[in-house]
Amino acid sequence: MRRAILLVAVGVTVLALVVGVALATPPNKGATTTLLTRATLGKFEAEGDGIKVQSERHSADLAIAKVVIEPGGSTGWHHHPGVGPAAVKSGAVTFYDEDCEKTVYRAGEGFLESHDDSMLVRNRGNSKAVFYVAFIIPTSTTEEGLRIDDPQPKECNVR
C-alpha cells in the first residue's frame, strides 16, 4: 500500500513538472544574453533635467547586459525584477507586450522593460539584432533571478 501511494505521489509530481515546463515558452531561442557588469548603488535618489530616479525602500543594483538575437530568434516570454531601459545598437527587434501588441524598435531607438509586464522580443530581420539593457534591480536579486520565464499569453500566438 505504501509503495502504491509513493508511486502515485511521484507520478503526480513528475506530471506537475512536465505541465509546468510545457506552459512556459522556450527561453532564448536564438538569443544570447551576456551580463557585462553589475554594481551596487545602495539606496539612492537623483534628479537632473526633469528626470527623477530613486530607490524608495531598498538598496538597488545596476546590471548591464548585452542581448544578441539571431534572425528568427526570440527571448521567449519573460519579465525582469525592477526596470530596464533598453537601447537597440544594431538591427531591429519586435517587442510584444502581454496583450500581444507589437512595436518595432530599430538601431538608435529604445524601450523599457518593466517588472510586472510579461514580454517577448523577437528578431524578424535578416541580420543579428543587438541591444543593451541597464537593469535597476533590488540588490538581493541573484543572477538567475534577473530573468523570470512566463507562460505564453492565452490570446497571443507569438513564440
Protein backbone atom coordinates (compact mmCIF):
# COMPACT_ATOMS: atom_id res chain seq x y z
CA MET A 1 0.00 0.00 0.00
CA ARG A 2 2.79 2.43 0.92
CA ARG A 3 4.56 1.60 -2.31
CA ALA A 4 1.40 2.37 -4.33
CA ILE A 5 0.94 5.71 -2.53
CA LEU A 6 4.60 6.57 -3.14
CA LEU A 7 4.32 5.71 -6.84
CA VAL A 8 1.18 7.85 -7.20
CA ALA A 9 2.88 10.76 -5.40
CA VAL A 10 5.97 10.50 -7.64
CA GLY A 11 3.75 10.28 -10.74
CA VAL A 12 1.77 13.38 -9.76
CA THR A 13 4.98 15.30 -9.04
CA VAL A 14 6.51 14.37 -12.42
CA LEU A 15 3.26 15.28 -14.20
CA ALA A 16 3.17 18.68 -12.46
CA LEU A 17 6.76 19.38 -13.52
CA VAL A 18 6.08 18.38 -17.14
CA VAL A 19 2.91 20.50 -17.33
CA GLY A 20 4.73 23.47 -15.75
CA VAL A 21 7.55 23.23 -18.28
CA ALA A 22 5.07 22.85 -21.15
CA LEU A 23 3.27 26.05 -20.16
CA ALA A 24 6.45 28.17 -20.16
CA THR A 25 7.79 29.32 -23.51
CA PRO A 26 11.27 28.23 -24.52
CA PRO A 27 13.72 30.86 -23.28
CA ASN A 28 16.29 32.40 -25.56
CA LYS A 29 15.60 30.55 -28.82
CA GLY A 30 18.37 32.07 -30.91
CA ALA A 31 19.04 34.76 -28.30
CA THR A 32 22.10 35.17 -26.09
CA THR A 33 22.23 37.42 -23.04
CA THR A 34 25.59 38.33 -21.52
CA LEU A 35 25.79 40.12 -18.18
CA LEU A 36 28.56 42.69 -18.75
CA THR A 37 28.80 44.27 -15.31
CA ARG A 38 26.93 44.79 -12.07
CA ALA A 39 27.35 47.31 -9.26
CA THR A 40 25.53 48.12 -6.04
CA LEU A 41 24.12 51.64 -5.96
CA GLY A 42 22.65 51.33 -2.48
CA LYS A 43 19.63 53.42 -1.59
CA PHE A 44 19.63 56.49 -3.83
CA GLU A 45 17.77 59.50 -5.15
CA ALA A 46 18.88 61.50 -8.17
CA GLU A 47 17.33 64.22 -10.30
CA GLY A 48 18.54 66.11 -13.33
CA ASP A 49 16.98 67.83 -16.34
CA GLY A 50 13.47 66.85 -15.22
CA ILE A 51 14.30 63.15 -14.79
CA LYS A 52 13.99 61.71 -11.29
CA VAL A 53 15.14 58.25 -10.23
CA GLN A 54 15.09 56.79 -6.74
CA SER A 55 15.05 53.56 -4.79
CA GLU A 56 12.36 54.08 -2.20
CA ARG A 57 12.82 51.27 0.30
CA HIS A 58 15.65 49.01 -0.77
CA SER A 59 19.20 49.03 -1.98
CA ALA A 60 19.39 48.76 -5.76
CA ASP A 61 21.94 47.41 -8.19
CA LEU A 62 22.74 48.40 -11.74
CA ALA A 63 23.22 45.38 -14.04
CA ILE A 64 24.16 45.97 -17.68
CA ALA A 65 23.50 43.20 -20.18
CA LYS A 66 24.10 42.71 -23.90
CA VAL A 67 21.44 40.78 -25.82
CA VAL A 68 22.11 39.33 -29.29
CA ILE A 69 19.18 37.81 -31.19
CA GLU A 70 19.83 35.84 -34.37
CA PRO A 71 17.45 36.22 -37.34
CA GLY A 72 14.20 34.44 -36.43
CA GLY A 73 15.28 34.21 -32.78
CA SER A 74 13.28 35.14 -29.72
CA THR A 75 13.78 35.74 -26.00
CA GLY A 76 10.69 33.71 -25.06
CA TRP A 77 8.03 35.16 -22.76
CA HIS A 78 9.56 36.58 -19.58
CA HIS A 79 9.84 39.56 -17.26
CA HIS A 80 12.51 41.05 -15.01
CA PRO A 81 12.65 42.44 -11.49
CA GLY A 82 12.95 46.22 -11.30
CA VAL A 83 13.10 48.24 -14.51
CA GLY A 84 15.34 48.03 -17.55
CA PRO A 85 15.75 50.75 -20.15
CA ALA A 86 16.97 49.09 -23.36
CA ALA A 87 18.82 50.62 -26.33
CA VAL A 88 18.94 48.92 -29.73
CA LYS A 89 22.51 49.07 -31.07
CA SER A 90 22.07 47.30 -34.40
CA GLY A 91 19.37 45.59 -36.43
CA ALA A 92 15.76 45.77 -35.34
CA VAL A 93 13.66 43.94 -32.77
CA THR A 94 9.93 43.41 -32.48
CA PHE A 95 8.73 43.84 -28.90
CA TYR A 96 5.49 42.07 -27.89
CA ASP A 97 3.71 43.00 -24.66
CA GLU A 98 1.40 40.71 -22.70
CA ASP A 99 -1.59 41.95 -24.75
CA CYS A 100 0.24 40.81 -27.92
CA GLU A 101 0.68 44.42 -29.05
CA LYS A 102 3.84 44.70 -31.11
CA THR A 103 6.25 47.57 -31.61
CA VAL A 104 9.34 47.54 -33.82
CA TYR A 105 12.48 49.22 -32.49
CA ARG A 106 15.43 49.92 -34.79
CA ALA A 107 19.05 50.87 -34.10
CA GLY A 108 19.14 54.09 -32.09
CA GLU A 109 15.70 53.51 -30.55
CA GLY A 110 14.88 52.16 -27.12
CA PHE A 111 12.20 50.58 -24.99
CA LEU A 112 11.52 49.92 -21.32
CA GLU A 113 11.34 46.51 -19.68
CA SER A 114 9.25 46.66 -16.52
CA HIS A 115 8.88 44.33 -13.53
CA ASP A 116 5.26 43.26 -13.80
CA ASP A 117 4.92 43.12 -17.56
CA SER A 118 5.46 39.90 -19.48
CA MET A 119 7.14 40.41 -22.84
CA LEU A 120 8.84 38.73 -25.75
CA VAL A 121 11.47 40.27 -28.02
CA ARG A 122 11.92 38.77 -31.49
CA ASN A 123 14.24 39.41 -34.42
CA ARG A 124 12.20 39.30 -37.63
CA GLY A 125 15.08 40.66 -39.73
CA ASN A 126 17.80 39.02 -41.81
CA SER A 127 20.76 40.06 -39.64
CA LYS A 128 21.66 39.88 -35.96
CA ALA A 129 19.92 42.35 -33.66
CA VAL A 130 21.89 43.69 -30.70
CA PHE A 131 20.55 45.68 -27.77
CA TYR A 132 21.79 46.64 -24.32
CA VAL A 133 19.72 46.79 -21.13
CA ALA A 134 20.63 48.73 -17.97
CA PHE A 135 18.60 46.95 -15.29
CA ILE A 136 17.95 48.71 -12.00
CA ILE A 137 17.10 45.82 -9.70
CA PRO A 138 16.89 45.03 -5.99
CA THR A 139 20.35 44.26 -4.61
CA SER A 140 19.06 40.88 -3.38
CA THR A 141 18.39 39.71 -6.97
CA THR A 142 20.53 36.73 -7.95
CA GLU A 143 21.95 36.37 -11.45
CA GLU A 144 19.46 33.55 -12.09
CA GLY A 145 16.64 35.78 -10.78
CA LEU A 146 17.38 38.53 -13.29
CA ARG A 147 15.04 36.77 -15.76
CA ILE A 148 11.71 35.19 -14.84
CA ASP A 149 10.17 32.93 -17.51
CA ASP A 150 6.45 33.38 -18.14
CA PRO A 151 3.82 31.27 -19.89
CA GLN A 152 2.71 32.39 -23.31
CA PRO A 153 -0.35 34.65 -23.00
CA LYS A 154 -3.55 32.80 -23.98
CA GLU A 155 -4.58 35.23 -26.70
CA CYS A 156 -1.10 35.60 -28.24
CA ASN A 157 0.30 33.13 -30.75
CA VAL A 158 3.83 34.59 -30.79
CA ARG A 159 6.79 32.48 -29.64
